[in-house]
Amino acid sequence: AGIGDSLALLRKTRLAFGVVALFFYVGAEVSIGSLLASFLMLPTTFGLDPQSAGERIALYWGGAMVGRFAGAWILGRVSPGLVLAGAATGAGTLVLVAALAAGGIAGWALIAVGLFNSIMFPTIFSLALEGLGERTPQGSGLLCMAIVGGAIVPLATGAFADVASLGAALVIPVVCYAVVTL
């Protein structure tokens, strides 16, 4: 089976939406991870020195760990599609709060995004592959290629931050999470 045969799988709506969602999810996650320390150093958020800002990033990843455990419990009781939509909506809302607020509210909101990011990748991946049968390995390959969003979206976010501000650039991850929610 060649690449054309694999790309033909994108006619399957569930997989095509999964590829798009994974592209935007990874893009949003990497964008936030790339600018989190700088955002926490802004005088309009925490005004931290570089070392202190870097130390706060552990809280973001700690939130991701807590979210993974909580998400596993929730996913055992609630439809994965609903959990994914809720997590993406939660993450997008927190990023929007970070973009519009100031001080501790803005800083803590962006740190808390890790809690909601925690279940998105595996949930998108699993939902997108549902029903592919023997074609699951090819579908998985397409999903793995979608992580290129983690290289493209942060560039757009950084470019926007350069012409506007870090807070304004957060609109790009907000849009990404909106796509995942859909």
N, C-alpha and C. Protein backbone atom coordinates (compact mmCIF):
# COMPACT_ATOMS: atom_id res chain seq x y z
N ALA A 1 0.85 -1.18 0.00
CA ALA A 1 0.00 0.00 0.00
C ALA A 1 0.89 1.24 0.00
N GLY A 2 0.66 2.11 -0.97
CA GLY A 2 1.46 3.31 -1.10
C GLY A 2 0.87 4.48 -0.33
N ILE A 3 1.56 5.62 -0.46
CA ILE A 3 1.12 6.81 0.26
C ILE A 3 -0.25 7.27 -0.24
N GLY A 4 -0.51 7.12 -1.53
CA GLY A 4 -1.81 7.51 -2.07
C GLY A 4 -2.93 6.70 -1.44
N ASP A 5 -2.65 5.41 -1.23
CA ASP A 5 -3.64 4.54 -0.59
C ASP A 5 -3.90 4.98 0.85
N SER A 6 -2.83 5.38 1.54
CA SER A 6 -2.99 5.86 2.91
C SER A 6 -3.74 7.19 2.94
N LEU A 7 -3.40 8.10 2.03
CA LEU A 7 -4.08 9.39 1.99
C LEU A 7 -5.56 9.25 1.64
N ALA A 8 -5.89 8.20 0.89
CA ALA A 8 -7.29 7.96 0.55
C ALA A 8 -8.13 7.69 1.81
N LEU A 9 -7.47 7.26 2.86
CA LEU A 9 -8.16 7.04 4.13
C LEU A 9 -8.75 8.33 4.69
N LEU A 10 -8.23 9.47 4.26
CA LEU A 10 -8.74 10.75 4.74
C LEU A 10 -10.17 11.01 4.27
N ARG A 11 -10.68 10.15 3.37
CA ARG A 11 -12.09 10.25 2.99
C ARG A 11 -12.98 9.77 4.14
N LYS A 12 -12.41 9.05 5.07
CA LYS A 12 -13.16 8.63 6.26
C LYS A 12 -13.22 9.83 7.20
N THR A 13 -14.42 10.34 7.38
CA THR A 13 -14.62 11.59 8.11
C THR A 13 -14.01 11.56 9.50
N ARG A 14 -14.21 10.48 10.23
CA ARG A 14 -13.70 10.39 11.60
C ARG A 14 -12.18 10.55 11.62
N LEU A 15 -11.50 9.87 10.71
CA LEU A 15 -10.04 9.96 10.66
C LEU A 15 -9.60 11.36 10.21
N ALA A 16 -10.26 11.90 9.20
CA ALA A 16 -9.89 13.24 8.72
C ALA A 16 -10.04 14.27 9.83
N PHE A 17 -11.15 14.22 10.56
CA PHE A 17 -11.33 15.15 11.69
C PHE A 17 -10.27 14.90 12.76
N GLY A 18 -9.91 13.64 12.97
CA GLY A 18 -8.88 13.32 13.96
C GLY A 18 -7.54 13.91 13.58
N VAL A 19 -7.19 13.84 12.30
CA VAL A 19 -5.92 14.41 11.82
C VAL A 19 -5.91 15.93 12.05
N VAL A 20 -7.02 16.57 11.69
CA VAL A 20 -7.12 18.03 11.87
C VAL A 20 -7.05 18.38 13.36
N ALA A 21 -7.81 17.65 14.18
CA ALA A 21 -7.83 17.93 15.62
C ALA A 21 -6.45 17.72 16.24
N LEU A 22 -5.75 16.67 15.84
CA LEU A 22 -4.43 16.41 16.41
C LEU A 22 -3.44 17.50 15.98
N PHE A 23 -3.52 17.93 14.73
CA PHE A 23 -2.66 19.02 14.26
C PHE A 23 -2.83 20.26 15.15
N PHE A 24 -4.08 20.65 15.37
CA PHE A 24 -4.34 21.86 16.15
C PHE A 24 -4.08 21.66 17.64
N TYR A 25 -4.38 20.47 18.16
CA TYR A 25 -4.10 20.23 19.58
C TYR A 25 -2.60 20.32 19.85
N VAL A 26 -1.81 19.60 19.09
CA VAL A 26 -0.35 19.60 19.32
C VAL A 26 0.19 21.01 19.09
N GLY A 27 -0.33 21.71 18.10
CA GLY A 27 0.09 23.09 17.88
C GLY A 27 -0.17 23.98 19.07
N ALA A 28 -1.37 23.85 19.65
CA ALA A 28 -1.71 24.66 20.83
C ALA A 28 -0.84 24.29 22.02
N GLU A 29 -0.66 22.99 22.24
CA GLU A 29 0.12 22.54 23.39
C GLU A 29 1.56 23.03 23.30
N VAL A 30 2.17 22.90 22.15
CA VAL A 30 3.57 23.32 21.99
C VAL A 30 3.67 24.85 22.07
N SER A 31 2.69 25.55 21.51
CA SER A 31 2.70 27.02 21.61
C SER A 31 2.70 27.46 23.06
N ILE A 32 1.82 26.89 23.86
CA ILE A 32 1.75 27.27 25.27
C ILE A 32 3.03 26.89 26.00
N GLY A 33 3.51 25.69 25.75
CA GLY A 33 4.76 25.28 26.39
C GLY A 33 5.93 26.16 26.01
N SER A 34 5.90 26.68 24.78
CA SER A 34 7.00 27.52 24.30
C SER A 34 6.99 28.92 24.90
N LEU A 35 5.81 29.42 25.23
CA LEU A 35 5.75 30.80 25.71
C LEU A 35 5.39 30.93 27.19
N LEU A 36 5.15 29.82 27.86
CA LEU A 36 4.70 29.87 29.25
C LEU A 36 5.67 30.62 30.17
N ALA A 37 6.94 30.29 30.12
CA ALA A 37 7.90 30.96 31.00
C ALA A 37 7.95 32.46 30.71
N SER A 38 7.99 32.82 29.43
CA SER A 38 8.01 34.25 29.07
C SER A 38 6.74 34.95 29.54
N PHE A 39 5.61 34.27 29.43
CA PHE A 39 4.35 34.85 29.87
C PHE A 39 4.36 35.09 31.38
N LEU A 40 4.91 34.15 32.13
CA LEU A 40 4.96 34.30 33.58
C LEU A 40 5.96 35.37 34.02
N MET A 41 6.91 35.72 33.16
CA MET A 41 7.87 36.78 33.47
C MET A 41 7.34 38.17 33.17
N LEU A 42 6.24 38.26 32.43
CA LEU A 42 5.69 39.58 32.09
C LEU A 42 5.31 40.34 33.36
N PRO A 43 5.56 41.63 33.38
CA PRO A 43 5.14 42.43 34.54
C PRO A 43 3.62 42.44 34.72
N THR A 44 2.89 42.16 33.64
CA THR A 44 1.43 42.15 33.71
C THR A 44 0.87 40.83 34.23
N THR A 45 1.74 39.81 34.41
CA THR A 45 1.29 38.55 35.03
C THR A 45 1.99 38.44 36.38
N PHE A 46 2.98 37.55 36.49
CA PHE A 46 3.67 37.37 37.77
C PHE A 46 4.92 38.22 37.90
N GLY A 47 5.51 38.64 36.77
CA GLY A 47 6.74 39.41 36.81
C GLY A 47 7.89 38.63 37.41
N LEU A 48 7.95 37.34 37.15
CA LEU A 48 8.97 36.47 37.73
C LEU A 48 10.31 36.59 37.01
N ASP A 49 11.37 36.24 37.72
CA ASP A 49 12.68 36.12 37.08
C ASP A 49 12.69 34.80 36.31
N PRO A 50 13.62 34.62 35.36
CA PRO A 50 13.62 33.41 34.53
C PRO A 50 13.63 32.10 35.32
N GLN A 51 14.43 32.01 36.37
CA GLN A 51 14.49 30.77 37.13
C GLN A 51 13.14 30.47 37.80
N SER A 52 12.54 31.47 38.43
CA SER A 52 11.25 31.26 39.09
C SER A 52 10.16 30.91 38.10
N ALA A 53 10.18 31.55 36.94
CA ALA A 53 9.20 31.23 35.90
C ALA A 53 9.38 29.78 35.45
N GLY A 54 10.63 29.37 35.25
CA GLY A 54 10.90 27.99 34.86
C GLY A 54 10.43 26.99 35.90
N GLU A 55 10.58 27.35 37.17
CA GLU A 55 10.13 26.46 38.24
C GLU A 55 8.61 26.30 38.23
N ARG A 56 7.88 27.34 37.83
CA ARG A 56 6.41 27.27 37.79
C ARG A 56 5.91 26.34 36.69
N ILE A 57 6.75 26.09 35.70
CA ILE A 57 6.35 25.19 34.62
C ILE A 57 6.12 23.78 35.15
N ALA A 58 6.78 23.41 36.23
CA ALA A 58 6.53 22.10 36.85
C ALA A 58 5.07 21.98 37.29
N LEU A 59 4.46 23.10 37.65
CA LEU A 59 3.05 23.08 38.05
C LEU A 59 2.16 22.77 36.85
N TYR A 60 2.53 23.28 35.69
CA TYR A 60 1.80 22.98 34.45
C TYR A 60 1.83 21.46 34.20
N TRP A 61 3.02 20.88 34.29
CA TRP A 61 3.16 19.44 34.04
C TRP A 61 2.55 18.62 35.17
N GLY A 62 2.60 19.13 36.39
CA GLY A 62 1.91 18.46 37.50
C GLY A 62 0.41 18.43 37.26
N GLY A 63 -0.12 19.53 36.74
CA GLY A 63 -1.53 19.57 36.38
C GLY A 63 -1.86 18.55 35.30
N ALA A 64 -0.96 18.38 34.36
CA ALA A 64 -1.16 17.37 33.31
C ALA A 64 -1.21 15.97 33.91
N MET A 65 -0.38 15.71 34.91
CA MET A 65 -0.38 14.39 35.55
C MET A 65 -1.70 14.17 36.30
N VAL A 66 -2.12 15.15 37.06
CA VAL A 66 -3.39 15.04 37.78
C VAL A 66 -4.54 14.87 36.79
N GLY A 67 -4.50 15.65 35.72
CA GLY A 67 -5.53 15.55 34.69
C GLY A 67 -5.57 14.19 34.03
N ARG A 68 -4.42 13.56 33.88
CA ARG A 68 -4.37 12.24 33.25
C ARG A 68 -5.08 11.21 34.14
N PHE A 69 -4.82 11.27 35.44
CA PHE A 69 -5.49 10.33 36.35
C PHE A 69 -6.98 10.62 36.44
N ALA A 70 -7.33 11.88 36.59
CA ALA A 70 -8.75 12.25 36.66
C ALA A 70 -9.43 11.91 35.34
N GLY A 71 -8.76 12.18 34.24
CA GLY A 71 -9.32 11.89 32.92
C GLY A 71 -9.56 10.41 32.71
N ALA A 72 -8.65 9.57 33.17
CA ALA A 72 -8.84 8.12 33.04
C ALA A 72 -10.09 7.69 33.79
N TRP A 73 -10.28 8.25 34.98
CA TRP A 73 -11.47 7.91 35.76
C TRP A 73 -12.73 8.40 35.04
N ILE A 74 -12.70 9.63 34.56
CA ILE A 74 -13.87 10.22 33.87
C ILE A 74 -14.16 9.46 32.57
N LEU A 75 -13.13 9.11 31.82
CA LEU A 75 -13.32 8.41 30.55
C LEU A 75 -13.95 7.04 30.74
N GLY A 76 -13.83 6.48 31.93
CA GLY A 76 -14.48 5.21 32.22
C GLY A 76 -15.97 5.37 32.46
N ARG A 77 -16.43 6.60 32.58
CA ARG A 77 -17.83 6.85 32.94
C ARG A 77 -18.58 7.74 31.94
N VAL A 78 -17.85 8.48 31.12
CA VAL A 78 -18.46 9.45 30.21
C VAL A 78 -17.93 9.19 28.80
N SER A 79 -18.75 9.46 27.81
CA SER A 79 -18.37 9.28 26.41
C SER A 79 -17.06 10.02 26.11
N PRO A 80 -16.09 9.34 25.47
CA PRO A 80 -14.81 10.00 25.17
C PRO A 80 -14.96 11.28 24.34
N GLY A 81 -15.91 11.30 23.43
CA GLY A 81 -16.12 12.51 22.63
C GLY A 81 -16.54 13.69 23.48
N LEU A 82 -17.40 13.43 24.46
CA LEU A 82 -17.82 14.50 25.37
C LEU A 82 -16.68 14.95 26.27
N VAL A 83 -15.90 13.99 26.74
CA VAL A 83 -14.76 14.34 27.60
C VAL A 83 -13.76 15.18 26.80
N LEU A 84 -13.50 14.80 25.56
CA LEU A 84 -12.58 15.56 24.71
C LEU A 84 -13.10 16.97 24.48
N ALA A 85 -14.38 17.09 24.14
CA ALA A 85 -14.96 18.42 23.91
C ALA A 85 -14.89 19.26 25.18
N GLY A 86 -15.15 18.64 26.32
CA GLY A 86 -15.07 19.37 27.59
C GLY A 86 -13.66 19.81 27.91
N ALA A 87 -12.69 18.93 27.67
CA ALA A 87 -11.29 19.27 27.94
C ALA A 87 -10.81 20.39 27.01
N ALA A 88 -11.17 20.31 25.74
CA ALA A 88 -10.76 21.34 24.79
C ALA A 88 -11.42 22.68 25.11
N THR A 89 -12.69 22.62 25.51
CA THR A 89 -13.39 23.85 25.91
C THR A 89 -12.76 24.44 27.16
N GLY A 90 -12.43 23.59 28.12
CA GLY A 90 -11.77 24.05 29.35
C GLY A 90 -10.42 24.69 29.06
N ALA A 91 -9.62 24.03 28.22
CA ALA A 91 -8.30 24.58 27.87
C ALA A 91 -8.44 25.90 27.13
N GLY A 92 -9.33 25.95 26.16
CA GLY A 92 -9.53 27.18 25.39
C GLY A 92 -10.01 28.32 26.27
N THR A 93 -10.90 28.01 27.21
CA THR A 93 -11.41 29.03 28.13
C THR A 93 -10.29 29.57 29.01
N LEU A 94 -9.46 28.67 29.53
CA LEU A 94 -8.34 29.11 30.37
C LEU A 94 -7.34 29.97 29.59
N VAL A 95 -7.08 29.60 28.35
CA VAL A 95 -6.15 30.41 27.54
C VAL A 95 -6.77 31.77 27.26
N LEU A 96 -8.05 31.80 27.01
CA LEU A 96 -8.74 33.07 26.78
C LEU A 96 -8.69 33.95 28.04
N VAL A 97 -8.89 33.34 29.19
CA VAL A 97 -8.79 34.08 30.46
C VAL A 97 -7.37 34.64 30.61
N ALA A 98 -6.37 33.81 30.32
CA ALA A 98 -4.98 34.27 30.41
C ALA A 98 -4.72 35.45 29.48
N ALA A 99 -5.33 35.41 28.29
CA ALA A 99 -5.12 36.48 27.31
C ALA A 99 -5.79 37.78 27.73
N LEU A 100 -6.94 37.67 28.40
CA LEU A 100 -7.72 38.86 28.72
C LEU A 100 -7.50 39.41 30.12
N ALA A 101 -7.03 38.57 31.03
CA ALA A 101 -6.85 38.98 32.43
C ALA A 101 -5.43 39.48 32.65
N ALA A 102 -5.15 39.81 33.87
CA ALA A 102 -3.80 40.25 34.26
C ALA A 102 -3.47 39.64 35.61
N GLY A 103 -2.22 39.80 36.00
CA GLY A 103 -1.78 39.35 37.32
C GLY A 103 -1.85 37.85 37.49
N GLY A 104 -2.10 37.46 38.72
CA GLY A 104 -2.14 36.04 39.06
C GLY A 104 -3.20 35.27 38.31
N ILE A 105 -4.33 35.89 38.04
CA ILE A 105 -5.40 35.19 37.31
C ILE A 105 -4.89 34.75 35.94
N ALA A 106 -4.21 35.63 35.23
CA ALA A 106 -3.68 35.30 33.91
C ALA A 106 -2.63 34.19 34.01
N GLY A 107 -1.70 34.33 34.94
CA GLY A 107 -0.63 33.34 35.08
C GLY A 107 -1.15 31.97 35.48
N TRP A 108 -2.02 31.94 36.49
CA TRP A 108 -2.55 30.65 36.96
C TRP A 108 -3.45 30.01 35.91
N ALA A 109 -4.18 30.83 35.16
CA ALA A 109 -5.04 30.27 34.11
C ALA A 109 -4.20 29.53 33.07
N LEU A 110 -3.08 30.13 32.66
CA LEU A 110 -2.25 29.46 31.65
C LEU A 110 -1.58 28.22 32.22
N ILE A 111 -1.15 28.27 33.46
CA ILE A 111 -0.56 27.08 34.10
C ILE A 111 -1.59 25.95 34.17
N ALA A 112 -2.85 26.28 34.44
CA ALA A 112 -3.90 25.27 34.62
C ALA A 112 -4.28 24.57 33.32
N VAL A 113 -3.85 25.09 32.18
CA VAL A 113 -4.17 24.44 30.91
C VAL A 113 -3.65 23.00 30.87
N GLY A 114 -2.55 22.73 31.54
CA GLY A 114 -1.99 21.38 31.56
C GLY A 114 -3.00 20.36 32.06
N LEU A 115 -3.83 20.74 32.99
CA LEU A 115 -4.86 19.85 33.53
C LEU A 115 -5.78 19.35 32.42
N PHE A 116 -6.13 20.22 31.49
CA PHE A 116 -7.06 19.87 30.42
C PHE A 116 -6.36 19.25 29.21
N ASN A 117 -5.10 19.60 28.98
CA ASN A 117 -4.36 19.02 27.86
C ASN A 117 -4.13 17.52 28.05
N SER A 118 -4.13 17.08 29.27
CA SER A 118 -3.67 15.75 29.63
C SER A 118 -4.33 14.60 28.88
N ILE A 119 -5.61 14.69 28.56
CA ILE A 119 -6.28 13.54 27.93
C ILE A 119 -6.49 13.72 26.43
N MET A 120 -6.14 14.88 25.90
CA MET A 120 -6.51 15.16 24.51
C MET A 120 -5.81 14.28 23.49
N PHE A 121 -4.50 14.16 23.56
CA PHE A 121 -3.78 13.40 22.52
C PHE A 121 -4.29 11.96 22.45
N PRO A 122 -4.28 11.21 23.54
CA PRO A 122 -4.71 9.81 23.41
C PRO A 122 -6.19 9.67 23.04
N THR A 123 -7.01 10.61 23.47
CA THR A 123 -8.43 10.52 23.16
C THR A 123 -8.69 10.81 21.69
N ILE A 124 -8.05 11.85 21.15
CA ILE A 124 -8.18 12.15 19.72
C ILE A 124 -7.69 10.95 18.91
N PHE A 125 -6.55 10.43 19.29
CA PHE A 125 -5.94 9.31 18.56
C PHE A 125 -6.89 8.12 18.52
N SER A 126 -7.41 7.74 19.68
CA SER A 126 -8.29 6.57 19.77
C SER A 126 -9.59 6.78 19.01
N LEU A 127 -10.20 7.94 19.17
CA LEU A 127 -11.46 8.21 18.48
C LEU A 127 -11.29 8.22 16.96
N ALA A 128 -10.18 8.77 16.50
CA ALA A 128 -9.94 8.88 15.06
C ALA A 128 -9.74 7.52 14.41
N LEU A 129 -9.18 6.57 15.14
CA LEU A 129 -8.88 5.24 14.58
C LEU A 129 -10.06 4.27 14.66
N GLU A 130 -11.09 4.66 15.37
CA GLU A 130 -12.24 3.78 15.57
C GLU A 130 -12.83 3.34 14.23
N GLY A 131 -12.99 2.04 14.08
CA GLY A 131 -13.63 1.48 12.89
C GLY A 131 -12.74 1.30 11.68
N LEU A 132 -11.44 1.50 11.80
CA LEU A 132 -10.56 1.36 10.63
C LEU A 132 -10.14 -0.09 10.38
N GLY A 133 -10.31 -0.95 11.36
CA GLY A 133 -9.98 -2.37 11.17
C GLY A 133 -8.54 -2.58 10.73
N GLU A 134 -8.38 -3.29 9.60
CA GLU A 134 -7.04 -3.60 9.08
C GLU A 134 -6.27 -2.36 8.65
N ARG A 135 -6.98 -1.26 8.44
CA ARG A 135 -6.33 -0.02 7.98
C ARG A 135 -5.85 0.84 9.16
N THR A 136 -6.00 0.34 10.38
CA THR A 136 -5.59 1.10 11.57
C THR A 136 -4.13 1.54 11.52
N PRO A 137 -3.19 0.68 11.11
CA PRO A 137 -1.80 1.15 11.05
C PRO A 137 -1.60 2.34 10.10
N GLN A 138 -2.28 2.33 8.96
CA GLN A 138 -2.16 3.45 8.03
C GLN A 138 -2.78 4.71 8.63
N GLY A 139 -3.93 4.55 9.27
CA GLY A 139 -4.57 5.69 9.93
C GLY A 139 -3.69 6.25 11.03
N SER A 140 -3.04 5.37 11.76
CA SER A 140 -2.13 5.79 12.82
C SER A 140 -0.97 6.60 12.25
N GLY A 141 -0.47 6.18 11.11
CA GLY A 141 0.61 6.92 10.46
C GLY A 141 0.18 8.33 10.07
N LEU A 142 -1.05 8.47 9.56
CA LEU A 142 -1.56 9.80 9.21
C LEU A 142 -1.69 10.67 10.46
N LEU A 143 -2.16 10.07 11.54
CA LEU A 143 -2.28 10.82 12.79
C LEU A 143 -0.90 11.26 13.29
N CYS A 144 0.08 10.39 13.17
CA CYS A 144 1.44 10.74 13.61
C CYS A 144 1.99 11.90 12.78
N MET A 145 1.63 11.95 11.51
CA MET A 145 2.10 13.06 10.66
C MET A 145 1.45 14.37 11.08
N ALA A 146 0.27 14.30 11.68
CA ALA A 146 -0.45 15.51 12.08
C ALA A 146 0.25 16.26 13.20
N ILE A 147 1.17 15.61 13.90
CA ILE A 147 1.85 16.32 14.98
C ILE A 147 2.76 17.43 14.47
N VAL A 148 2.86 17.54 13.15
CA VAL A 148 3.61 18.66 12.56
C VAL A 148 2.99 20.00 12.98
N GLY A 149 1.76 19.95 13.45
CA GLY A 149 1.15 21.16 14.00
C GLY A 149 1.98 21.76 15.12
N GLY A 150 2.73 20.90 15.82
CA GLY A 150 3.61 21.36 16.88
C GLY A 150 4.81 22.14 16.37
N ALA A 151 5.06 22.09 15.07
CA ALA A 151 6.14 22.88 14.47
C ALA A 151 5.59 24.13 13.78
N ILE A 152 4.37 24.05 13.27
CA ILE A 152 3.81 25.15 12.48
C ILE A 152 3.07 26.17 13.34
N VAL A 153 2.18 25.71 14.21
CA VAL A 153 1.36 26.63 15.01
C VAL A 153 2.22 27.50 15.94
N PRO A 154 3.24 26.95 16.61
CA PRO A 154 4.08 27.82 17.45
C PRO A 154 4.80 28.92 16.66
N LEU A 155 5.16 28.63 15.42
CA LEU A 155 5.78 29.68 14.59
C LEU A 155 4.79 30.81 14.36
N ALA A 156 3.55 30.47 14.06
CA ALA A 156 2.52 31.49 13.85
C ALA A 156 2.26 32.26 15.14
N THR A 157 2.21 31.54 16.26
CA THR A 157 1.98 32.17 17.56
C THR A 157 3.12 33.13 17.90
N GLY A 158 4.35 32.69 17.69
CA GLY A 158 5.51 33.54 17.96
C GLY A 158 5.56 34.75 17.06
N ALA A 159 5.24 34.56 15.78
CA ALA A 159 5.24 35.69 14.85
C ALA A 159 4.19 36.71 15.26
N PHE A 160 3.03 36.23 15.69
CA PHE A 160 1.97 37.14 16.13
C PHE A 160 2.39 37.86 17.41
N ALA A 161 3.05 37.14 18.32
CA ALA A 161 3.54 37.76 19.56
C ALA A 161 4.55 38.86 19.25
N ASP A 162 5.37 38.64 18.22
CA ASP A 162 6.37 39.65 17.84
C ASP A 162 5.75 40.95 17.35
N VAL A 163 4.61 40.86 16.68
CA VAL A 163 3.98 42.08 16.16
C VAL A 163 2.91 42.63 17.09
N ALA A 164 2.46 41.83 18.04
CA ALA A 164 1.41 42.28 18.98
C ALA A 164 1.94 42.15 20.40
N SER A 165 1.58 41.07 21.07
CA SER A 165 2.08 40.79 22.42
C SER A 165 1.87 39.32 22.71
N LEU A 166 2.50 38.83 23.78
CA LEU A 166 2.31 37.42 24.16
C LEU A 166 0.84 37.15 24.48
N GLY A 167 0.22 38.06 25.20
CA GLY A 167 -1.19 37.88 25.55
C GLY A 167 -2.07 37.83 24.32
N ALA A 168 -1.84 38.73 23.37
CA ALA A 168 -2.64 38.74 22.15
C ALA A 168 -2.41 37.49 21.32
N ALA A 169 -1.18 36.99 21.32
CA ALA A 169 -0.85 35.80 20.53
C ALA A 169 -1.57 34.55 21.05
N LEU A 170 -2.05 34.60 22.28
CA LEU A 170 -2.77 33.45 22.83
C LEU A 170 -4.08 33.18 22.09
N VAL A 171 -4.51 34.12 21.27
CA VAL A 171 -5.71 33.89 20.47
C VAL A 171 -5.51 32.69 19.53
N ILE A 172 -4.30 32.45 19.11
CA ILE A 172 -4.04 31.33 18.20
C ILE A 172 -4.30 29.99 18.90
N PRO A 173 -3.76 29.73 20.10
CA PRO A 173 -4.13 28.49 20.78
C PRO A 173 -5.64 28.42 21.11
N VAL A 174 -6.26 29.56 21.38
CA VAL A 174 -7.71 29.54 21.63
C VAL A 174 -8.44 29.00 20.40
N VAL A 175 -8.06 29.48 19.23
CA VAL A 175 -8.68 28.99 17.99
C VAL A 175 -8.40 27.50 17.81
N CYS A 176 -7.18 27.08 18.12
CA CYS A 176 -6.83 25.67 18.01
C CYS A 176 -7.72 24.80 18.90
N TYR A 177 -7.92 25.23 20.14
CA TYR A 177 -8.79 24.46 21.04
C TYR A 177 -10.24 24.47 20.57
N ALA A 178 -10.66 25.56 19.94
CA ALA A 178 -12.02 25.61 19.39
C ALA A 178 -12.18 24.57 18.28
N VAL A 179 -11.15 24.41 17.45
CA VAL A 179 -11.19 23.39 16.40
C VAL A 179 -11.29 21.99 17.03
N VAL A 180 -10.51 21.73 18.06
CA VAL A 180 -10.58 20.44 18.73
C VAL A 180 -11.97 20.21 19.32
N THR A 181 -12.54 21.24 19.92
CA THR A 181 -13.88 21.11 20.50
C THR A 181 -14.88 20.70 19.42
N LEU A 182 -14.77 21.30 18.26
CA LEU A 182 -15.70 20.97 17.17
C LEU A 182 -15.51 19.54 16.71
